[in-house]
Amino acid sequence: MQTRRDPVSPRDGRADKRLTLFAALCASALFGALFGALCYISTDGRLSDLLETARQTSMDIRRSGSLVKMIGSSLMSTGFYLLIAYVLGFSALAQPFELALPFLRGMTAGVVLTSIYGGGADKGTLMMTAAVFPGILISIILIILAAREAVYMSSRLFDICFHDRLYDGLLRHSVVYSVSFAELLAATSVTALIDCLLAVMLFGKG
């Protein structure tokens, strides 16, 4: 007697693909962080000095107490990647570059965190970590979500190119895609406010 198998729901298949893509993007960010840490440890003196200067500049902005500078710096650090992801989403062949975005952001995070602990673990190190880590973590998550949306959009464009009607459904997908990035940008603004709040709490204002 043959057993009847329940058909696999297309919705379940899409959910599995979404989860697989999200896991791949998370792995990309993790490998980027490890690569950034190794780069910082193994670089020559000149490059290490440049990386240390960049980190120190970021910390000076947080210590300055200037809310405008802190919000601007936080928005730019994440907004740049969101802009790149958004533009890449309108290319049908940009998936490899979109998958690389979390890696690049993870690499900068690895450099920053490794440079903070370069002088050993003390009270100042813990304060700096508390000031930057939440923002970095949220930023990476937002960039992963942005890269995922960009991959979806690129895949839709790739599929549309093989239909008889080249622009079938493109406007609707573009609107939904743009709304998704508007939401991510709003979340980035919240992240910038969290960065400011942590900097004021840990370093004081003025």
N, C-alpha and C. Protein backbone atom coordinates (compact mmCIF):
# COMPACT_ATOMS: atom_id res chain seq x y z
N MET A 1 0.85 -1.19 0.00
CA MET A 1 0.00 0.00 0.00
C MET A 1 0.88 1.24 0.00
N GLN A 2 0.68 2.13 -0.96
CA GLN A 2 1.51 3.31 -1.07
C GLN A 2 1.00 4.39 -0.12
N THR A 3 1.93 5.03 0.48
CA THR A 3 1.58 6.14 1.36
C THR A 3 1.52 7.42 0.54
N ARG A 4 0.56 8.21 0.87
CA ARG A 4 0.37 9.46 0.15
C ARG A 4 1.20 10.56 0.80
N ARG A 5 1.99 11.23 -0.02
CA ARG A 5 2.82 12.32 0.49
C ARG A 5 2.09 13.64 0.28
N ASP A 6 2.15 14.45 1.31
CA ASP A 6 1.56 15.78 1.19
C ASP A 6 2.42 16.63 0.29
N PRO A 7 1.82 17.32 -0.65
CA PRO A 7 2.61 18.18 -1.53
C PRO A 7 3.27 19.32 -0.76
N VAL A 8 4.44 19.69 -1.22
CA VAL A 8 5.16 20.79 -0.58
C VAL A 8 4.54 22.10 -1.01
N SER A 9 4.15 22.91 -0.07
CA SER A 9 3.54 24.20 -0.37
C SER A 9 4.57 25.14 -0.98
N PRO A 10 4.21 25.87 -2.04
CA PRO A 10 5.13 26.86 -2.61
C PRO A 10 5.54 27.90 -1.59
N ARG A 11 4.63 28.21 -0.69
CA ARG A 11 4.95 29.20 0.35
C ARG A 11 6.05 28.67 1.26
N ASP A 12 5.99 27.35 1.60
CA ASP A 12 7.03 26.75 2.42
C ASP A 12 8.38 26.79 1.70
N GLY A 13 8.34 26.55 0.39
CA GLY A 13 9.58 26.60 -0.37
C GLY A 13 10.19 27.98 -0.38
N ARG A 14 9.34 29.00 -0.50
CA ARG A 14 9.85 30.37 -0.47
C ARG A 14 10.43 30.71 0.90
N ALA A 15 9.77 30.21 1.96
CA ALA A 15 10.27 30.47 3.31
C ALA A 15 11.64 29.83 3.51
N ASP A 16 11.81 28.62 2.99
CA ASP A 16 13.11 27.95 3.10
C ASP A 16 14.19 28.72 2.36
N LYS A 17 13.85 29.25 1.19
CA LYS A 17 14.82 30.02 0.41
C LYS A 17 15.18 31.32 1.14
N ARG A 18 14.19 31.95 1.74
CA ARG A 18 14.44 33.18 2.49
C ARG A 18 15.37 32.91 3.67
N LEU A 19 15.10 31.82 4.38
CA LEU A 19 15.93 31.47 5.53
C LEU A 19 17.36 31.13 5.09
N THR A 20 17.49 30.40 3.98
CA THR A 20 18.82 30.04 3.48
C THR A 20 19.60 31.28 3.07
N LEU A 21 18.93 32.20 2.39
CA LEU A 21 19.60 33.43 1.97
C LEU A 21 20.01 34.26 3.17
N PHE A 22 19.12 34.36 4.16
CA PHE A 22 19.45 35.13 5.37
C PHE A 22 20.64 34.52 6.09
N ALA A 23 20.68 33.18 6.18
CA ALA A 23 21.81 32.51 6.82
C ALA A 23 23.11 32.75 6.05
N ALA A 24 23.03 32.74 4.72
CA ALA A 24 24.21 32.98 3.90
C ALA A 24 24.73 34.41 4.10
N LEU A 25 23.84 35.37 4.21
CA LEU A 25 24.25 36.75 4.43
C LEU A 25 24.84 36.94 5.82
N CYS A 26 24.26 36.26 6.81
CA CYS A 26 24.83 36.31 8.16
C CYS A 26 26.23 35.71 8.19
N ALA A 27 26.41 34.60 7.48
CA ALA A 27 27.73 33.97 7.40
C ALA A 27 28.72 34.90 6.71
N SER A 28 28.26 35.61 5.69
CA SER A 28 29.11 36.57 4.98
C SER A 28 29.59 37.66 5.94
N ALA A 29 28.69 38.18 6.78
CA ALA A 29 29.07 39.21 7.74
C ALA A 29 30.04 38.66 8.78
N LEU A 30 29.81 37.43 9.23
CA LEU A 30 30.69 36.83 10.23
C LEU A 30 32.10 36.62 9.68
N PHE A 31 32.18 36.07 8.46
CA PHE A 31 33.49 35.88 7.85
C PHE A 31 34.17 37.23 7.60
N GLY A 32 33.38 38.24 7.28
CA GLY A 32 33.95 39.57 7.10
C GLY A 32 34.56 40.10 8.39
N ALA A 33 33.87 39.87 9.52
CA ALA A 33 34.39 40.32 10.81
C ALA A 33 35.70 39.60 11.15
N LEU A 34 35.74 38.30 10.89
CA LEU A 34 36.96 37.55 11.16
C LEU A 34 38.10 38.01 10.25
N PHE A 35 37.77 38.26 8.99
CA PHE A 35 38.78 38.72 8.05
C PHE A 35 39.30 40.09 8.44
N GLY A 36 38.40 40.97 8.88
CA GLY A 36 38.82 42.30 9.32
C GLY A 36 39.73 42.24 10.53
N ALA A 37 39.40 41.35 11.48
CA ALA A 37 40.24 41.20 12.66
C ALA A 37 41.63 40.69 12.28
N LEU A 38 41.69 39.71 11.38
CA LEU A 38 42.98 39.18 10.94
C LEU A 38 43.78 40.23 10.19
N CYS A 39 43.09 41.02 9.38
CA CYS A 39 43.78 42.08 8.64
C CYS A 39 44.41 43.09 9.60
N TYR A 40 43.65 43.46 10.63
CA TYR A 40 44.18 44.45 11.58
C TYR A 40 45.39 43.90 12.33
N ILE A 41 45.34 42.62 12.68
CA ILE A 41 46.44 42.02 13.44
C ILE A 41 47.69 41.86 12.58
N SER A 42 47.49 41.51 11.31
CA SER A 42 48.63 41.14 10.47
C SER A 42 49.12 42.26 9.55
N THR A 43 48.50 43.45 9.59
CA THR A 43 48.93 44.52 8.69
C THR A 43 50.22 45.16 9.16
N ASP A 44 50.87 45.86 8.21
CA ASP A 44 52.11 46.55 8.56
C ASP A 44 51.80 47.79 9.38
N GLY A 45 52.85 48.46 9.83
CA GLY A 45 52.69 49.59 10.72
C GLY A 45 51.90 50.74 10.13
N ARG A 46 52.14 51.06 8.86
CA ARG A 46 51.46 52.20 8.26
C ARG A 46 49.96 51.98 8.16
N LEU A 47 49.54 50.81 7.68
CA LEU A 47 48.12 50.53 7.56
C LEU A 47 47.47 50.44 8.93
N SER A 48 48.17 49.87 9.89
CA SER A 48 47.63 49.79 11.25
C SER A 48 47.40 51.19 11.82
N ASP A 49 48.33 52.10 11.52
CA ASP A 49 48.18 53.47 11.99
C ASP A 49 46.95 54.14 11.36
N LEU A 50 46.72 53.87 10.08
CA LEU A 50 45.55 54.43 9.40
C LEU A 50 44.25 53.90 10.00
N LEU A 51 44.23 52.59 10.26
CA LEU A 51 43.04 51.99 10.86
C LEU A 51 42.80 52.53 12.27
N GLU A 52 43.89 52.70 13.01
CA GLU A 52 43.78 53.22 14.37
C GLU A 52 43.30 54.68 14.34
N THR A 53 43.77 55.44 13.37
CA THR A 53 43.34 56.84 13.24
C THR A 53 41.84 56.91 12.94
N ALA A 54 41.37 56.04 12.04
CA ALA A 54 39.95 56.01 11.71
C ALA A 54 39.11 55.66 12.93
N ARG A 55 39.58 54.67 13.71
CA ARG A 55 38.84 54.29 14.92
C ARG A 55 38.83 55.43 15.93
N GLN A 56 39.99 56.07 16.09
CA GLN A 56 40.09 57.15 17.06
C GLN A 56 39.19 58.33 16.67
N THR A 57 39.10 58.59 15.37
CA THR A 57 38.22 59.66 14.90
C THR A 57 36.77 59.36 15.26
N SER A 58 36.37 58.09 15.06
CA SER A 58 35.01 57.69 15.40
C SER A 58 34.74 57.85 16.89
N MET A 59 35.71 57.49 17.72
CA MET A 59 35.52 57.62 19.16
C MET A 59 35.54 59.08 19.59
N ASP A 60 36.36 59.90 18.93
CA ASP A 60 36.39 61.33 19.26
C ASP A 60 35.05 61.98 18.99
N ILE A 61 34.38 61.55 17.91
CA ILE A 61 33.06 62.08 17.60
C ILE A 61 32.08 61.74 18.72
N ARG A 62 32.18 60.53 19.25
CA ARG A 62 31.29 60.13 20.34
C ARG A 62 31.62 60.89 21.63
N ARG A 63 32.90 61.14 21.87
CA ARG A 63 33.29 61.86 23.09
C ARG A 63 33.00 63.35 23.00
N SER A 64 32.86 63.87 21.80
CA SER A 64 32.69 65.31 21.63
C SER A 64 31.37 65.82 22.19
N GLY A 65 30.38 64.94 22.26
CA GLY A 65 29.07 65.35 22.76
C GLY A 65 28.23 66.07 21.73
N SER A 66 28.73 66.20 20.49
CA SER A 66 27.97 66.85 19.43
C SER A 66 26.95 65.88 18.86
N LEU A 67 25.67 66.14 19.12
CA LEU A 67 24.63 65.23 18.65
C LEU A 67 24.56 65.21 17.12
N VAL A 68 24.79 66.36 16.50
CA VAL A 68 24.74 66.42 15.04
C VAL A 68 25.84 65.54 14.43
N LYS A 69 27.04 65.64 14.96
CA LYS A 69 28.15 64.84 14.43
C LYS A 69 27.91 63.35 14.66
N MET A 70 27.41 63.00 15.85
CA MET A 70 27.19 61.59 16.16
C MET A 70 26.10 60.99 15.27
N ILE A 71 25.00 61.72 15.11
CA ILE A 71 23.91 61.22 14.26
C ILE A 71 24.36 61.13 12.82
N GLY A 72 25.09 62.16 12.34
CA GLY A 72 25.57 62.15 10.96
C GLY A 72 26.53 61.01 10.69
N SER A 73 27.45 60.77 11.63
CA SER A 73 28.42 59.68 11.46
C SER A 73 27.73 58.32 11.43
N SER A 74 26.78 58.12 12.34
CA SER A 74 26.07 56.85 12.41
C SER A 74 25.21 56.62 11.17
N LEU A 75 24.52 57.68 10.72
CA LEU A 75 23.69 57.55 9.52
C LEU A 75 24.53 57.24 8.29
N MET A 76 25.68 57.89 8.17
CA MET A 76 26.52 57.68 7.00
C MET A 76 27.12 56.28 6.98
N SER A 77 27.50 55.77 8.15
CA SER A 77 28.16 54.47 8.20
C SER A 77 27.25 53.34 7.74
N THR A 78 25.94 53.48 8.00
CA THR A 78 24.98 52.47 7.55
C THR A 78 24.29 52.88 6.27
N GLY A 79 23.96 54.17 6.16
CA GLY A 79 23.25 54.66 4.99
C GLY A 79 24.01 54.45 3.69
N PHE A 80 25.34 54.50 3.76
CA PHE A 80 26.16 54.27 2.56
C PHE A 80 25.90 52.88 2.00
N TYR A 81 25.88 51.88 2.87
CA TYR A 81 25.65 50.51 2.42
C TYR A 81 24.21 50.33 1.93
N LEU A 82 23.25 50.99 2.59
CA LEU A 82 21.87 50.90 2.14
C LEU A 82 21.72 51.48 0.73
N LEU A 83 22.40 52.59 0.48
CA LEU A 83 22.33 53.22 -0.84
C LEU A 83 22.91 52.30 -1.90
N ILE A 84 24.07 51.70 -1.61
CA ILE A 84 24.70 50.79 -2.56
C ILE A 84 23.80 49.59 -2.83
N ALA A 85 23.22 49.02 -1.76
CA ALA A 85 22.34 47.86 -1.92
C ALA A 85 21.11 48.23 -2.76
N TYR A 86 20.55 49.41 -2.49
CA TYR A 86 19.36 49.84 -3.22
C TYR A 86 19.65 49.97 -4.71
N VAL A 87 20.76 50.58 -5.05
CA VAL A 87 21.13 50.75 -6.46
C VAL A 87 21.41 49.40 -7.12
N LEU A 88 22.13 48.52 -6.42
CA LEU A 88 22.45 47.21 -6.98
C LEU A 88 21.19 46.38 -7.23
N GLY A 89 20.16 46.61 -6.45
CA GLY A 89 18.93 45.84 -6.61
C GLY A 89 18.28 46.02 -7.97
N PHE A 90 18.59 47.11 -8.66
CA PHE A 90 18.01 47.36 -9.97
C PHE A 90 18.85 46.77 -11.10
N SER A 91 19.79 45.93 -10.74
CA SER A 91 20.57 45.19 -11.73
C SER A 91 20.23 43.71 -11.63
N ALA A 92 19.97 43.08 -12.76
CA ALA A 92 19.59 41.67 -12.76
C ALA A 92 20.77 40.75 -12.49
N LEU A 93 21.99 41.26 -12.55
CA LEU A 93 23.18 40.42 -12.42
C LEU A 93 24.07 40.85 -11.25
N ALA A 94 23.51 41.56 -10.29
CA ALA A 94 24.32 42.12 -9.20
C ALA A 94 24.32 41.27 -7.94
N GLN A 95 23.76 40.06 -7.98
CA GLN A 95 23.66 39.26 -6.77
C GLN A 95 25.00 39.02 -6.07
N PRO A 96 26.09 38.72 -6.79
CA PRO A 96 27.37 38.52 -6.09
C PRO A 96 27.83 39.74 -5.31
N PHE A 97 27.62 40.93 -5.86
CA PHE A 97 28.00 42.16 -5.18
C PHE A 97 27.11 42.41 -3.97
N GLU A 98 25.84 42.07 -4.08
CA GLU A 98 24.92 42.24 -2.96
C GLU A 98 25.27 41.30 -1.82
N LEU A 99 25.68 40.10 -2.14
CA LEU A 99 26.09 39.15 -1.10
C LEU A 99 27.37 39.61 -0.41
N ALA A 100 28.17 40.42 -1.09
CA ALA A 100 29.43 40.88 -0.52
C ALA A 100 29.26 42.06 0.44
N LEU A 101 28.13 42.74 0.41
CA LEU A 101 27.94 43.92 1.26
C LEU A 101 28.03 43.59 2.75
N PRO A 102 27.35 42.54 3.26
CA PRO A 102 27.53 42.20 4.68
C PRO A 102 28.98 41.85 5.02
N PHE A 103 29.68 41.23 4.07
CA PHE A 103 31.09 40.90 4.31
C PHE A 103 31.90 42.17 4.53
N LEU A 104 31.68 43.18 3.70
CA LEU A 104 32.43 44.43 3.82
C LEU A 104 32.11 45.14 5.13
N ARG A 105 30.82 45.17 5.50
CA ARG A 105 30.45 45.81 6.76
C ARG A 105 31.00 45.03 7.94
N GLY A 106 30.95 43.71 7.85
CA GLY A 106 31.53 42.89 8.90
C GLY A 106 33.04 43.10 9.03
N MET A 107 33.69 43.31 7.90
CA MET A 107 35.14 43.53 7.93
C MET A 107 35.49 44.80 8.68
N THR A 108 34.75 45.89 8.43
CA THR A 108 35.00 47.13 9.16
C THR A 108 34.69 46.97 10.65
N ALA A 109 33.65 46.19 10.96
CA ALA A 109 33.33 45.93 12.36
C ALA A 109 34.45 45.15 13.04
N GLY A 110 34.99 44.16 12.34
CA GLY A 110 36.10 43.39 12.90
C GLY A 110 37.32 44.24 13.17
N VAL A 111 37.60 45.17 12.26
CA VAL A 111 38.73 46.08 12.45
C VAL A 111 38.51 46.96 13.67
N VAL A 112 37.31 47.53 13.79
CA VAL A 112 37.02 48.45 14.90
C VAL A 112 37.11 47.73 16.23
N LEU A 113 36.45 46.59 16.35
CA LEU A 113 36.44 45.88 17.63
C LEU A 113 37.81 45.35 18.01
N THR A 114 38.57 44.88 17.02
CA THR A 114 39.91 44.38 17.31
C THR A 114 40.83 45.52 17.73
N SER A 115 40.69 46.68 17.10
CA SER A 115 41.53 47.81 17.47
C SER A 115 41.21 48.32 18.87
N ILE A 116 39.95 48.22 19.27
CA ILE A 116 39.57 48.64 20.62
C ILE A 116 40.26 47.78 21.66
N TYR A 117 40.32 46.47 21.41
CA TYR A 117 40.94 45.56 22.36
C TYR A 117 42.44 45.41 22.16
N GLY A 118 43.00 46.18 21.22
CA GLY A 118 44.44 46.07 20.96
C GLY A 118 45.30 46.47 22.14
N GLY A 119 44.79 47.37 22.97
CA GLY A 119 45.57 47.83 24.12
C GLY A 119 45.27 47.08 25.40
N GLY A 120 44.51 45.99 25.30
CA GLY A 120 44.19 45.22 26.49
C GLY A 120 42.79 45.56 27.00
N ALA A 121 42.28 44.71 27.86
CA ALA A 121 40.93 44.89 28.39
C ALA A 121 40.99 45.66 29.70
N ASP A 122 40.39 46.85 29.74
CA ASP A 122 40.28 47.63 30.96
C ASP A 122 38.95 48.35 30.96
N LYS A 123 38.76 49.25 31.91
CA LYS A 123 37.48 49.96 32.01
C LYS A 123 37.20 50.79 30.77
N GLY A 124 38.23 51.47 30.27
CA GLY A 124 38.05 52.28 29.07
C GLY A 124 37.67 51.44 27.87
N THR A 125 38.27 50.26 27.77
CA THR A 125 37.95 49.36 26.66
C THR A 125 36.51 48.90 26.72
N LEU A 126 36.05 48.56 27.91
CA LEU A 126 34.67 48.13 28.08
C LEU A 126 33.69 49.25 27.75
N MET A 127 34.05 50.48 28.11
CA MET A 127 33.18 51.61 27.80
C MET A 127 33.09 51.84 26.29
N MET A 128 34.23 51.75 25.62
CA MET A 128 34.23 51.94 24.17
C MET A 128 33.44 50.84 23.48
N THR A 129 33.60 49.61 23.97
CA THR A 129 32.85 48.49 23.39
C THR A 129 31.35 48.68 23.58
N ALA A 130 30.96 49.10 24.78
CA ALA A 130 29.54 49.34 25.06
C ALA A 130 29.00 50.47 24.20
N ALA A 131 29.87 51.42 23.85
CA ALA A 131 29.43 52.56 23.05
C ALA A 131 29.23 52.21 21.58
N VAL A 132 30.04 51.28 21.06
CA VAL A 132 30.00 51.03 19.62
C VAL A 132 29.33 49.71 19.24
N PHE A 133 29.37 48.71 20.12
CA PHE A 133 28.91 47.38 19.72
C PHE A 133 27.42 47.33 19.38
N PRO A 134 26.51 47.91 20.20
CA PRO A 134 25.08 47.83 19.83
C PRO A 134 24.81 48.45 18.46
N GLY A 135 25.40 49.60 18.19
CA GLY A 135 25.20 50.24 16.89
C GLY A 135 25.74 49.41 15.75
N ILE A 136 26.92 48.81 15.96
CA ILE A 136 27.52 47.96 14.93
C ILE A 136 26.64 46.75 14.65
N LEU A 137 26.15 46.12 15.71
CA LEU A 137 25.32 44.93 15.54
C LEU A 137 24.03 45.25 14.78
N ILE A 138 23.35 46.32 15.18
CA ILE A 138 22.12 46.70 14.50
C ILE A 138 22.40 47.09 13.06
N SER A 139 23.51 47.79 12.85
CA SER A 139 23.89 48.20 11.49
C SER A 139 24.10 46.99 10.59
N ILE A 140 24.79 45.98 11.10
CA ILE A 140 25.03 44.77 10.31
C ILE A 140 23.71 44.07 9.98
N ILE A 141 22.80 43.99 10.96
CA ILE A 141 21.50 43.36 10.71
C ILE A 141 20.73 44.11 9.63
N LEU A 142 20.75 45.44 9.70
CA LEU A 142 20.04 46.24 8.69
C LEU A 142 20.64 46.05 7.31
N ILE A 143 21.96 45.96 7.24
CA ILE A 143 22.63 45.78 5.95
C ILE A 143 22.34 44.38 5.40
N ILE A 144 22.27 43.39 6.27
CA ILE A 144 21.90 42.04 5.84
C ILE A 144 20.49 42.05 5.25
N LEU A 145 19.56 42.72 5.93
CA LEU A 145 18.19 42.80 5.42
C LEU A 145 18.14 43.57 4.10
N ALA A 146 18.94 44.63 3.99
CA ALA A 146 18.98 45.40 2.75
C ALA A 146 19.54 44.56 1.61
N ALA A 147 20.61 43.82 1.89
CA ALA A 147 21.20 42.96 0.87
C ALA A 147 20.21 41.88 0.43
N ARG A 148 19.45 41.36 1.39
CA ARG A 148 18.45 40.34 1.05
C ARG A 148 17.39 40.90 0.13
N GLU A 149 16.89 42.11 0.43
CA GLU A 149 15.90 42.74 -0.43
C GLU A 149 16.48 43.01 -1.82
N ALA A 150 17.74 43.42 -1.87
CA ALA A 150 18.39 43.70 -3.15
C ALA A 150 18.51 42.42 -3.98
N VAL A 151 18.84 41.31 -3.33
CA VAL A 151 18.94 40.03 -4.04
C VAL A 151 17.57 39.63 -4.59
N TYR A 152 16.52 39.81 -3.78
CA TYR A 152 15.17 39.50 -4.27
C TYR A 152 14.82 40.33 -5.50
N MET A 153 15.12 41.63 -5.43
CA MET A 153 14.79 42.52 -6.54
C MET A 153 15.58 42.14 -7.79
N SER A 154 16.86 41.85 -7.63
CA SER A 154 17.68 41.45 -8.76
C SER A 154 17.17 40.14 -9.37
N SER A 155 16.75 39.22 -8.52
CA SER A 155 16.22 37.95 -9.01
C SER A 155 14.92 38.15 -9.78
N ARG A 156 14.06 39.07 -9.28
CA ARG A 156 12.83 39.36 -10.00
C ARG A 156 13.13 39.96 -11.37
N LEU A 157 14.07 40.88 -11.41
CA LEU A 157 14.45 41.48 -12.69
C LEU A 157 15.01 40.43 -13.64
N PHE A 158 15.78 39.51 -13.10
CA PHE A 158 16.34 38.44 -13.92
C PHE A 158 15.23 37.58 -14.52
N ASP A 159 14.22 37.28 -13.68
CA ASP A 159 13.08 36.49 -14.17
C ASP A 159 12.26 37.26 -15.20
N ILE A 160 12.05 38.54 -14.93
CA ILE A 160 11.25 39.36 -15.85
C ILE A 160 11.89 39.42 -17.23
N CYS A 161 13.20 39.41 -17.28
CA CYS A 161 13.91 39.50 -18.56
C CYS A 161 13.61 38.31 -19.48
N PHE A 162 13.14 37.20 -18.91
CA PHE A 162 12.86 36.01 -19.71
C PHE A 162 11.38 35.83 -19.99
N HIS A 163 10.58 36.85 -19.69
CA HIS A 163 9.16 36.82 -20.03
C HIS A 163 8.93 37.58 -21.33
N ASP A 164 7.81 37.29 -21.94
CA ASP A 164 7.48 37.99 -23.19
C ASP A 164 7.32 39.49 -22.95
N ARG A 165 6.70 39.82 -21.83
CA ARG A 165 6.53 41.23 -21.50
C ARG A 165 7.65 41.63 -20.54
N LEU A 166 8.59 42.37 -21.05
CA LEU A 166 9.81 42.66 -20.31
C LEU A 166 9.54 43.40 -19.00
N TYR A 167 8.58 44.31 -19.00
CA TYR A 167 8.35 45.14 -17.82
C TYR A 167 7.14 44.68 -17.01
N ASP A 168 6.71 43.45 -17.22
CA ASP A 168 5.54 42.94 -16.51
C ASP A 168 5.81 42.89 -15.00
N GLY A 169 5.02 43.66 -14.25
CA GLY A 169 5.13 43.65 -12.79
C GLY A 169 6.29 44.45 -12.24
N LEU A 170 7.08 45.08 -13.09
CA LEU A 170 8.27 45.78 -12.62
C LEU A 170 7.92 46.97 -11.73
N LEU A 171 6.91 47.74 -12.11
CA LEU A 171 6.53 48.92 -11.33
C LEU A 171 6.10 48.52 -9.92
N ARG A 172 5.27 47.49 -9.81
CA ARG A 172 4.81 47.05 -8.49
C ARG A 172 5.97 46.57 -7.63
N HIS A 173 6.87 45.79 -8.20
CA HIS A 173 8.04 45.33 -7.46
C HIS A 173 8.93 46.49 -7.04
N SER A 174 9.07 47.48 -7.90
CA SER A 174 9.92 48.62 -7.59
C SER A 174 9.36 49.43 -6.42
N VAL A 175 8.03 49.59 -6.40
CA VAL A 175 7.39 50.34 -5.32
C VAL A 175 7.57 49.61 -3.98
N VAL A 176 7.30 48.31 -3.98
CA VAL A 176 7.47 47.52 -2.76
C VAL A 176 8.93 47.54 -2.30
N TYR A 177 9.83 47.44 -3.25
CA TYR A 177 11.27 47.47 -2.96
C TYR A 177 11.67 48.80 -2.32
N SER A 178 11.19 49.89 -2.88
CA SER A 178 11.53 51.22 -2.36
C SER A 178 10.94 51.43 -0.97
N VAL A 179 9.73 50.95 -0.74
CA VAL A 179 9.12 51.06 0.58
C VAL A 179 9.94 50.28 1.62
N SER A 180 10.43 49.11 1.24
CA SER A 180 11.25 48.30 2.16
C SER A 180 12.50 49.06 2.56
N PHE A 181 13.12 49.74 1.62
CA PHE A 181 14.34 50.49 1.94
C PHE A 181 14.03 51.75 2.73
N ALA A 182 12.85 52.33 2.52
CA ALA A 182 12.45 53.47 3.34
C ALA A 182 12.30 53.04 4.80
N GLU A 183 11.77 51.85 5.02
CA GLU A 183 11.64 51.31 6.37
C GLU A 183 13.02 51.05 6.98
N LEU A 184 13.93 50.51 6.18
CA LEU A 184 15.29 50.27 6.67
C LEU A 184 15.99 51.58 7.01
N LEU A 185 15.75 52.61 6.21
CA LEU A 185 16.35 53.91 6.49
C LEU A 185 15.80 54.49 7.79
N ALA A 186 14.50 54.29 8.02
CA ALA A 186 13.91 54.74 9.28
C ALA A 186 14.53 54.00 10.47
N ALA A 187 14.76 52.71 10.30
CA ALA A 187 15.41 51.93 11.36
C ALA A 187 16.84 52.41 11.57
N THR A 188 17.51 52.83 10.49
CA THR A 188 18.86 53.37 10.61
C THR A 188 18.87 54.64 11.44
N SER A 189 17.85 55.46 11.29
CA SER A 189 17.73 56.68 12.09
C SER A 189 17.59 56.34 13.57
N VAL A 190 16.81 55.30 13.86
CA VAL A 190 16.67 54.87 15.25
C VAL A 190 18.01 54.38 15.80
N THR A 191 18.76 53.67 14.96
CA THR A 191 20.09 53.21 15.37
C THR A 191 21.01 54.38 15.69
N ALA A 192 20.93 55.43 14.88
CA ALA A 192 21.75 56.62 15.13
C ALA A 192 21.39 57.25 16.48
N LEU A 193 20.12 57.27 16.81
CA LEU A 193 19.70 57.81 18.10
C LEU A 193 20.20 56.95 19.26
N ILE A 194 20.20 55.63 19.06
CA ILE A 194 20.74 54.73 20.08
C ILE A 194 22.23 54.99 20.29
N ASP A 195 22.95 55.19 19.19
CA ASP A 195 24.38 55.51 19.28
C ASP A 195 24.60 56.77 20.10
N CYS A 196 23.79 57.78 19.81
CA CYS A 196 23.92 59.05 20.55
C CYS A 196 23.63 58.86 22.03
N LEU A 197 22.57 58.13 22.32
CA LEU A 197 22.18 57.92 23.71
C LEU A 197 23.28 57.20 24.48
N LEU A 198 23.86 56.16 23.86
CA LEU A 198 24.93 55.43 24.53
C LEU A 198 26.16 56.30 24.73
N ALA A 199 26.48 57.12 23.72
CA ALA A 199 27.66 57.99 23.84
C ALA A 199 27.46 59.01 24.96
N VAL A 200 26.27 59.58 25.05
CA VAL A 200 26.00 60.56 26.10
C VAL A 200 26.03 59.90 27.47
N MET A 201 25.48 58.71 27.57
CA MET A 201 25.45 58.00 28.85
C MET A 201 26.84 57.62 29.32
N LEU A 202 27.70 57.19 28.37
CA LEU A 202 29.01 56.65 28.75
C LEU A 202 30.09 57.73 28.82
N PHE A 203 30.02 58.73 27.97
CA PHE A 203 31.08 59.72 27.92
C PHE A 203 30.64 61.10 28.38
N GLY A 204 29.33 61.26 28.55
CA GLY A 204 28.82 62.57 28.95
C GLY A 204 28.71 63.48 27.76
N LYS A 205 28.14 64.62 27.98
CA LYS A 205 27.93 65.59 26.91
C LYS A 205 28.72 66.86 27.20
N GLY A 206 29.41 67.30 26.16
CA GLY A 206 30.17 68.52 26.29
C GLY A 206 31.50 68.32 26.92
